[in-house]
Each structure stands twice: as structure tokens, then as C-alpha cells.
Amino acid sequence: MRFAQIIFIGSLVVLATGSFLIKNVNSTIISQTKIMNKKVVRKTDLVFKPAFPGLKGVDIMAHVFPIEPFLVFTEFYMDRPVFGPHPHAGVSVMTYMLPDSKGSFINRDSQGDFSFIEPGGMHIMQAGRGMLHDEFPKETGTETHGFQIWINHADKDRFVDPLSMHASAAEIPEVITRDYKVRVVHGTFLNTKPDYRMVTDVDLFHIILQPNTSITLEPKQMAFVYGLRGSGNSGEESVHPQSLLNYTSEGSQITLNAGIEGLECMFASGNPHNEPITYGGPFVMTTPEQMAETKRRYAAGEMGKLEPYHGK
């Protein structure tokens, strides 16, 4: 809106002949800079479902919910190895371990990374043209709690070089006030941002509101809120554990209000790529031709190798 103000101020210099004209133009500036709240267009109450022995989750998928550039957003509990080494290409895959997790993950990949995702920590595998990874609880039988998140790449970024990004719990920046704590897992909140950034720029905040307080956020075009603990509301819709609120693309702010228990939730926002998406298991491409080539490259061993884990 600053651009609009500059134009109108310029018009005042050229056209103004009296206070009446100046008053009208100023009114126009005020009306054009008015902030509009995003509205909730869909609320869904979700539940945990068993996926495999040792793994249960709440799955939010882009082919069901309007969350792109996020493609997969899954809250999970996991207490043993489930998947083994496997590939990804065309996307970024993030694991965010919630601070209340009883255990940590081991992360390994075909680029040579070996790291621990501790409670409150985060790891991103920006797969690009393709790599293999393996994630599992550090101690079998100890339950881990976190999120597995896929972030789409624009067509121009489908085949970027693979890259791993890691942050310990202490390296994820936090904004703390009397009313709230915001963990800036990715993106920017009040000029606070982590040292890493994916090719797809999204905001992902872990928000903890004190009882009977509120927070106002400045979302990108797409935004959603996912409840973790406590209760609250956004507009006329309630927020509670495992509820999903999807918002209109129009609007420049979202306000969350906590109830008497306080409210803990995840806030995600980004700008949709608005490009075709072709799914192929762990691969995401723009066209079927890209998918066929990606599968050929994987079969030929061009994404590297990662042997099963036998301890280290």
C-alpha cells in the first residue's frame, strides 16, 4: 500500500488546488490501506489413525485440502523403524520434532548426513533432483512425536542440487512475549528468522498462546492452522487438538484467540505454485515425462546409495 500512497501524494503535488481535494485524496488512502482479515472457509476435525505397526498419524494431504505449496502435513507418533532407506525427488521433506517428544530421530542420507533430530529440533531434506534418506527413532520402543511435512517445489526448482538443513532445538529462533511464544521453524515472524531457507519460501510457526490472549499473524496467500493443545478460536470457528482451519486466499491477517486453557497450534502459510503436480510415490514432478525420467534415474542408481542401518 506504500506504492499507492506515493502515487496519491504525487497527485496532490500536481493536482491539489485546495483543502477539499486534499481531504478527499487522504480519505482514499485510508480506505485503500484498510486491513482485511482472512476468513475460515473450511474446518475439519481430524483423528489419529494407525498407519503401520509403531506408527500412527493425522494426515493432511494437498489432494484433499487446499494447502499447496505444502503437500503433506502429518502429525505422528512413532516408536520404531518403519520405512527403511528410500528416495525423494522434486520436493523438500521436513521433520519437526515437537518439544514434548520423549525421544529423538536418527537421520541419515545418501549425501553423507548423519544427525539426531532432538525434541524441538528440525531437519530438512531438500531433495531436488533426488537423494535417499532414512529416519527412525534413536531408541526403539521410545515414542517420538512430531511432524513430517512435504513442501512442493516450483517447476524451475524441481531439479536443484540435493541439500540437507538441520537445526537443533536451541537453533530454532523464538519470539517470546507475555502473551505468546512463537517458534519460527521456517520463514519470518516479526523480523525473526532462522539461518536456513528452502527454495520454496513458506512460513511455519509453532505457536503457544497463554490463556485468554491473542496473536495476529500476517499470512501469505494460502494459510492454515492446526490445533495441538488447549482451545481457542479464529473468527467464529473454534480451534482444538487435531482440528484444521483453512482460510480464504484473500485477506492480509489472521487473529488467533486462546481460551482459558491457552492454545498450542501450528501455523503454516505459503504462496501456491499453481502448476500441474504429478505424484509418483516418494517423487513429485510437474509432468509425466519428468516422472518417467526421475524413476529411470533412481533405478540406474543416480540418486546415490544408502544401506540399511545396523548401528553406529
Protein backbone atom coordinates (compact mmCIF):
# COMPACT_ATOMS: atom_id res chain seq x y z
CA MET A 1 0.00 0.00 0.00
CA ARG A 2 3.01 2.30 0.25
CA PHE A 3 3.14 2.42 -3.54
CA ALA A 4 -0.47 3.65 -3.62
CA GLN A 5 0.32 6.36 -1.09
CA ILE A 6 3.27 7.60 -3.14
CA ILE A 7 1.08 7.90 -6.24
CA PHE A 8 -1.59 9.83 -4.41
CA ILE A 9 0.93 12.12 -2.73
CA GLY A 10 2.37 12.80 -6.16
CA SER A 11 -1.11 13.62 -7.39
CA LEU A 12 -1.51 16.13 -4.58
CA VAL A 13 1.56 18.00 -5.75
CA VAL A 14 0.31 18.20 -9.32
CA LEU A 15 -3.45 18.46 -8.91
CA ALA A 16 -4.26 19.89 -5.50
CA THR A 17 -5.90 23.29 -5.65
CA GLY A 18 -7.41 23.45 -2.18
CA SER A 19 -8.03 21.66 1.09
CA PHE A 20 -11.19 19.96 -0.24
CA LEU A 21 -9.22 17.93 -2.77
CA ILE A 22 -6.55 17.05 -0.24
CA LYS A 23 -9.17 15.76 2.18
CA ASN A 24 -10.75 13.53 -0.45
CA VAL A 25 -7.44 12.05 -1.51
CA ASN A 26 -6.45 11.33 2.09
CA SER A 27 -9.75 9.50 2.57
CA THR A 28 -8.94 7.40 -0.47
CA ILE A 29 -5.56 6.50 1.01
CA ILE A 30 -7.13 5.42 4.29
CA SER A 31 -9.76 3.27 2.61
CA GLN A 32 -7.22 1.56 0.33
CA THR A 33 -4.89 0.70 3.23
CA LYS A 34 -7.65 -0.90 5.30
CA ILE A 35 -6.60 -4.31 6.64
CA MET A 36 -8.83 -7.26 5.81
CA ASN A 37 -8.96 -10.45 7.86
CA LYS A 38 -8.78 -13.81 6.18
CA LYS A 39 -11.89 -15.90 6.80
CA VAL A 40 -12.10 -19.58 7.63
CA VAL A 41 -13.54 -21.39 4.63
CA ARG A 42 -13.26 -24.92 5.96
CA LYS A 43 -12.94 -26.53 9.38
CA THR A 44 -12.15 -30.23 9.71
CA ASP A 45 -11.91 -32.30 12.88
CA LEU A 46 -9.29 -34.99 12.35
CA VAL A 47 -8.21 -38.07 14.31
CA PHE A 48 -5.10 -40.22 14.63
CA LYS A 49 -5.15 -43.38 12.53
CA PRO A 50 -2.76 -46.34 12.62
CA ALA A 51 -0.53 -46.45 9.55
CA PHE A 52 1.94 -49.26 10.32
CA PRO A 53 2.95 -51.12 13.49
CA GLY A 54 4.64 -48.50 15.63
CA LEU A 55 3.29 -45.52 13.67
CA LYS A 56 0.06 -43.55 13.89
CA GLY A 57 -0.67 -40.17 12.38
CA VAL A 58 -3.04 -37.41 11.35
CA ASP A 59 -2.59 -36.95 7.60
CA ILE A 60 -3.35 -33.68 5.81
CA MET A 61 -2.80 -34.01 2.06
CA ALA A 62 -2.86 -31.38 -0.70
CA HIS A 63 -5.08 -33.52 -2.92
CA VAL A 64 -7.75 -33.33 -0.19
CA PHE A 65 -7.17 -29.95 1.47
CA PRO A 66 -6.13 -26.59 -0.07
CA ILE A 67 -2.63 -26.45 1.48
CA GLU A 68 -0.27 -26.21 -1.53
CA PRO A 69 2.70 -25.40 -1.57
CA PHE A 70 2.56 -27.86 1.36
CA LEU A 71 1.78 -31.32 0.02
CA VAL A 72 1.86 -33.48 3.16
CA PHE A 73 1.39 -32.30 6.74
CA THR A 74 1.32 -35.21 9.18
CA GLU A 75 1.39 -35.21 12.96
CA PHE A 76 2.86 -38.55 14.03
CA TYR A 77 3.73 -40.77 16.95
CA MET A 78 6.40 -43.36 16.10
CA ASP A 79 8.33 -45.78 18.32
CA ARG A 80 10.31 -47.97 15.90
CA PRO A 81 11.89 -48.01 12.43
CA VAL A 82 9.17 -48.25 9.79
CA PHE A 83 10.29 -47.28 6.29
CA GLY A 84 13.99 -48.00 5.87
CA PRO A 85 16.13 -46.17 3.27
CA HIS A 86 14.02 -44.64 0.49
CA PRO A 87 14.30 -41.86 -2.12
CA HIS A 88 12.68 -38.48 -2.67
CA ALA A 89 12.88 -36.06 -5.59
CA GLY A 90 11.17 -32.82 -6.64
CA VAL A 91 10.21 -31.80 -3.09
CA SER A 92 11.60 -30.81 0.28
CA VAL A 93 10.83 -33.12 3.21
CA MET A 94 10.91 -31.63 6.71
CA THR A 95 10.80 -33.39 10.05
CA TYR A 96 9.98 -31.18 13.03
CA MET A 97 10.20 -32.96 16.37
CA LEU A 98 7.88 -31.41 18.91
CA PRO A 99 9.49 -30.33 22.20
CA ASP A 100 7.30 -32.79 24.14
CA SER A 101 8.68 -35.80 22.20
CA LYS A 102 10.04 -38.48 24.51
CA GLY A 103 12.74 -39.44 22.05
CA SER A 104 14.85 -38.28 19.11
CA PHE A 105 15.17 -39.36 15.48
CA ILE A 106 18.26 -40.51 13.68
CA ASN A 107 18.50 -39.03 10.19
CA ARG A 108 20.79 -40.47 7.50
CA ASP A 109 21.01 -39.70 3.81
CA SER A 110 22.91 -40.57 0.66
CA GLN A 111 24.75 -37.24 0.78
CA GLY A 112 26.57 -38.38 3.91
CA ASP A 113 24.48 -36.70 6.60
CA PHE A 114 24.11 -38.45 9.94
CA SER A 115 22.33 -36.36 12.56
CA PHE A 116 19.98 -36.51 15.51
CA ILE A 117 16.64 -34.69 15.40
CA GLU A 118 16.15 -33.99 19.09
CA PRO A 119 12.91 -32.84 20.75
CA GLY A 120 12.36 -29.30 19.47
CA GLY A 121 14.79 -29.83 16.57
CA MET A 122 14.24 -29.82 12.82
CA HIS A 123 15.73 -31.38 9.68
CA ILE A 124 15.03 -30.59 6.01
CA MET A 125 15.93 -32.81 3.10
CA GLN A 126 15.69 -30.54 0.04
CA ALA A 127 15.63 -33.48 -2.34
CA GLY A 128 15.64 -31.64 -5.68
CA ARG A 129 16.99 -33.96 -8.39
CA GLY A 130 16.97 -36.83 -5.92
CA MET A 131 18.53 -38.39 -2.83
CA LEU A 132 17.86 -41.18 -0.34
CA HIS A 133 17.24 -40.85 3.37
CA ASP A 134 16.28 -42.88 6.42
CA GLU A 135 14.64 -41.55 9.60
CA PHE A 136 13.67 -43.54 12.68
CA PRO A 137 13.59 -43.30 16.49
CA LYS A 138 17.03 -43.31 18.08
CA GLU A 139 15.82 -45.83 20.66
CA THR A 140 13.34 -48.47 19.56
CA GLY A 141 10.39 -48.52 21.95
CA THR A 142 10.70 -44.85 22.91
CA GLU A 143 7.85 -42.85 21.41
CA THR A 144 8.68 -39.85 19.25
CA HIS A 145 6.18 -37.08 18.47
CA GLY A 146 6.47 -34.63 15.63
CA PHE A 147 5.54 -33.62 12.10
CA GLN A 148 6.53 -34.97 8.71
CA ILE A 149 5.98 -32.24 6.11
CA TRP A 150 6.42 -32.20 2.34
CA ILE A 151 6.87 -28.85 0.62
CA ASN A 152 6.36 -28.61 -3.13
CA HIS A 153 8.96 -27.18 -5.49
CA ALA A 154 8.16 -24.89 -8.39
CA ASP A 155 8.92 -26.42 -11.78
CA LYS A 156 12.04 -24.25 -12.04
CA ASP A 157 13.30 -25.79 -8.77
CA ARG A 158 12.37 -29.45 -9.33
CA PHE A 159 15.95 -30.47 -10.02
CA VAL A 160 18.02 -28.28 -7.71
CA ASP A 161 21.05 -29.91 -6.10
CA PRO A 162 20.14 -32.02 -3.05
CA LEU A 163 20.76 -30.26 0.26
CA SER A 164 20.34 -31.09 3.94
CA MET A 165 19.48 -28.41 6.51
CA HIS A 166 19.50 -29.08 10.22
CA ALA A 167 18.67 -27.12 13.37
CA SER A 168 18.90 -28.21 16.98
CA ALA A 169 16.19 -27.10 19.39
CA ALA A 170 18.38 -24.19 20.50
CA GLU A 171 18.96 -23.09 16.91
CA ILE A 172 15.27 -22.58 16.10
CA PRO A 173 14.61 -18.90 16.91
CA GLU A 174 11.80 -17.96 19.28
CA VAL A 175 9.81 -14.78 19.83
CA ILE A 176 8.55 -14.62 23.41
CA THR A 177 6.19 -12.06 24.95
CA ARG A 178 3.84 -12.07 27.95
CA ASP A 179 1.09 -13.38 25.66
CA TYR A 180 2.79 -15.97 23.48
CA LYS A 181 5.82 -17.93 22.37
CA VAL A 182 6.39 -18.43 18.63
CA ARG A 183 9.00 -20.91 17.44
CA VAL A 184 9.96 -19.86 13.91
CA VAL A 185 10.57 -23.26 12.36
CA HIS A 186 10.76 -21.70 8.88
CA GLY A 187 10.08 -18.30 7.37
CA THR A 188 9.90 -14.94 9.14
CA PHE A 189 7.91 -13.68 12.13
CA LEU A 190 8.39 -10.06 13.31
CA ASN A 191 11.75 -9.89 11.50
CA THR A 192 12.92 -13.07 13.26
CA LYS A 193 14.03 -15.92 11.01
CA PRO A 194 16.31 -18.96 11.14
CA ASP A 195 19.61 -19.22 9.27
CA TYR A 196 18.28 -21.73 6.72
CA ARG A 197 15.75 -21.28 3.91
CA MET A 198 14.26 -23.67 1.37
CA VAL A 199 13.83 -22.84 -2.32
CA THR A 200 10.09 -22.69 -1.60
CA ASP A 201 9.63 -19.90 0.92
CA VAL A 202 6.97 -20.84 3.46
CA ASP A 203 6.14 -19.78 6.99
CA LEU A 204 5.87 -22.49 9.62
CA PHE A 205 5.35 -21.37 13.21
CA HIS A 206 4.80 -23.38 16.38
CA ILE A 207 2.61 -21.09 18.49
CA ILE A 208 1.90 -21.31 22.22
CA LEU A 209 -0.64 -18.77 23.50
CA GLN A 210 -1.17 -18.04 27.17
CA PRO A 211 -4.77 -18.30 28.48
CA ASN A 212 -7.13 -15.58 27.25
CA THR A 213 -4.57 -13.93 24.98
CA SER A 214 -4.34 -13.46 21.22
CA ILE A 215 -1.88 -13.15 18.37
CA THR A 216 -2.23 -11.55 14.92
CA LEU A 217 -0.34 -13.07 12.00
CA GLU A 218 0.42 -11.78 8.51
CA PRO A 219 -0.11 -14.76 6.19
CA LYS A 220 0.81 -15.37 2.61
CA GLN A 221 -1.92 -16.31 0.10
CA MET A 222 -2.51 -19.81 1.48
CA ALA A 223 -2.75 -20.35 5.23
CA PHE A 224 -3.96 -22.97 7.67
CA VAL A 225 -3.94 -23.59 11.43
CA TYR A 226 -3.68 -27.00 13.07
CA GLY A 227 -4.53 -27.40 16.76
CA LEU A 228 -2.30 -29.27 19.20
CA ARG A 229 -3.44 -28.49 22.76
CA GLY A 230 -5.88 -26.30 24.62
CA SER A 231 -8.61 -24.40 22.85
CA GLY A 232 -9.37 -21.08 21.21
CA ASN A 233 -10.89 -19.56 18.14
CA SER A 234 -10.22 -17.77 14.89
CA GLY A 235 -13.14 -15.62 13.88
CA GLU A 236 -16.26 -17.68 14.51
CA GLU A 237 -14.51 -21.07 14.32
CA SER A 238 -13.09 -22.92 17.31
CA VAL A 239 -9.59 -24.41 17.41
CA HIS A 240 -8.84 -27.54 19.41
CA PRO A 241 -6.47 -30.53 19.18
CA GLN A 242 -6.33 -32.08 15.69
CA SER A 243 -8.67 -29.51 14.16
CA LEU A 244 -7.68 -27.96 10.83
CA LEU A 245 -8.73 -24.47 9.74
CA ASN A 246 -8.27 -23.49 6.08
CA TYR A 247 -8.53 -19.80 5.17
CA THR A 248 -9.52 -17.72 2.16
CA SER A 249 -6.76 -16.61 -0.20
CA GLU A 250 -7.96 -13.01 0.22
CA GLY A 251 -7.01 -11.04 3.30
CA SER A 252 -3.84 -9.86 4.97
CA GLN A 253 -4.10 -11.00 8.58
CA ILE A 254 -5.28 -13.82 10.83
CA THR A 255 -6.03 -13.47 14.55
CA LEU A 256 -5.95 -16.43 16.93
CA ASN A 257 -7.54 -16.17 20.38
CA ALA A 258 -6.78 -18.54 23.24
CA GLY A 259 -9.37 -19.78 25.70
CA ILE A 260 -8.97 -20.31 29.42
CA GLU A 261 -6.65 -23.31 28.86
CA GLY A 262 -4.36 -21.48 26.47
CA LEU A 263 -3.79 -22.65 22.90
CA GLU A 264 -0.95 -24.50 21.21
CA CYS A 265 -1.06 -24.85 17.43
CA MET A 266 0.88 -24.94 14.18
CA PHE A 267 0.51 -22.12 11.65
CA ALA A 268 1.52 -22.71 8.04
CA SER A 269 1.41 -20.28 5.14
CA GLY A 270 2.77 -20.00 1.61
CA ASN A 271 2.06 -18.97 -1.96
CA PRO A 272 0.70 -21.74 -4.20
CA HIS A 273 2.77 -22.52 -7.29
CA ASN A 274 -0.40 -23.05 -9.36
CA GLU A 275 1.39 -25.56 -11.57
CA PRO A 276 0.49 -29.14 -12.51
CA ILE A 277 1.53 -31.81 -9.99
CA THR A 278 2.38 -35.39 -10.91
CA TYR A 279 2.72 -37.79 -7.97
CA GLY A 280 4.77 -40.97 -8.09
CA GLY A 281 5.17 -42.42 -4.59
CA PRO A 282 8.11 -40.56 -2.99
CA PHE A 283 8.62 -38.43 -6.10
CA VAL A 284 6.74 -35.25 -7.08
CA MET A 285 7.11 -33.79 -10.56
CA THR A 286 5.35 -31.33 -12.84
CA THR A 287 4.84 -33.59 -15.87
CA PRO A 288 4.55 -37.34 -16.50
CA GLU A 289 7.67 -37.10 -18.66
CA GLN A 290 9.66 -35.72 -15.71
CA MET A 291 8.31 -38.53 -13.53
CA ALA A 292 9.36 -41.22 -16.01
CA GLU A 293 12.87 -39.77 -16.19
CA THR A 294 13.10 -39.50 -12.40
CA LYS A 295 12.14 -43.15 -11.94
CA ARG A 296 14.70 -44.13 -14.59
CA ARG A 297 17.42 -42.18 -12.78
CA TYR A 298 16.55 -43.79 -9.46
CA ALA A 299 16.60 -47.28 -10.97
CA ALA A 300 20.00 -46.51 -12.50
CA GLY A 301 21.43 -45.57 -9.09
CA GLU A 302 21.86 -41.89 -9.98
CA MET A 303 20.41 -40.71 -6.64
CA GLY A 304 23.14 -42.42 -4.63
CA LYS A 305 23.06 -45.34 -2.25
CA LEU A 306 22.08 -45.76 1.38
CA GLU A 307 22.42 -49.15 3.05
CA PRO A 308 20.13 -50.26 5.89
CA TYR A 309 21.21 -49.05 9.31
CA HIS A 310 22.99 -51.58 11.53
CA GLY A 311 24.10 -49.26 14.30
CA LYS A 312 26.99 -46.84 14.55
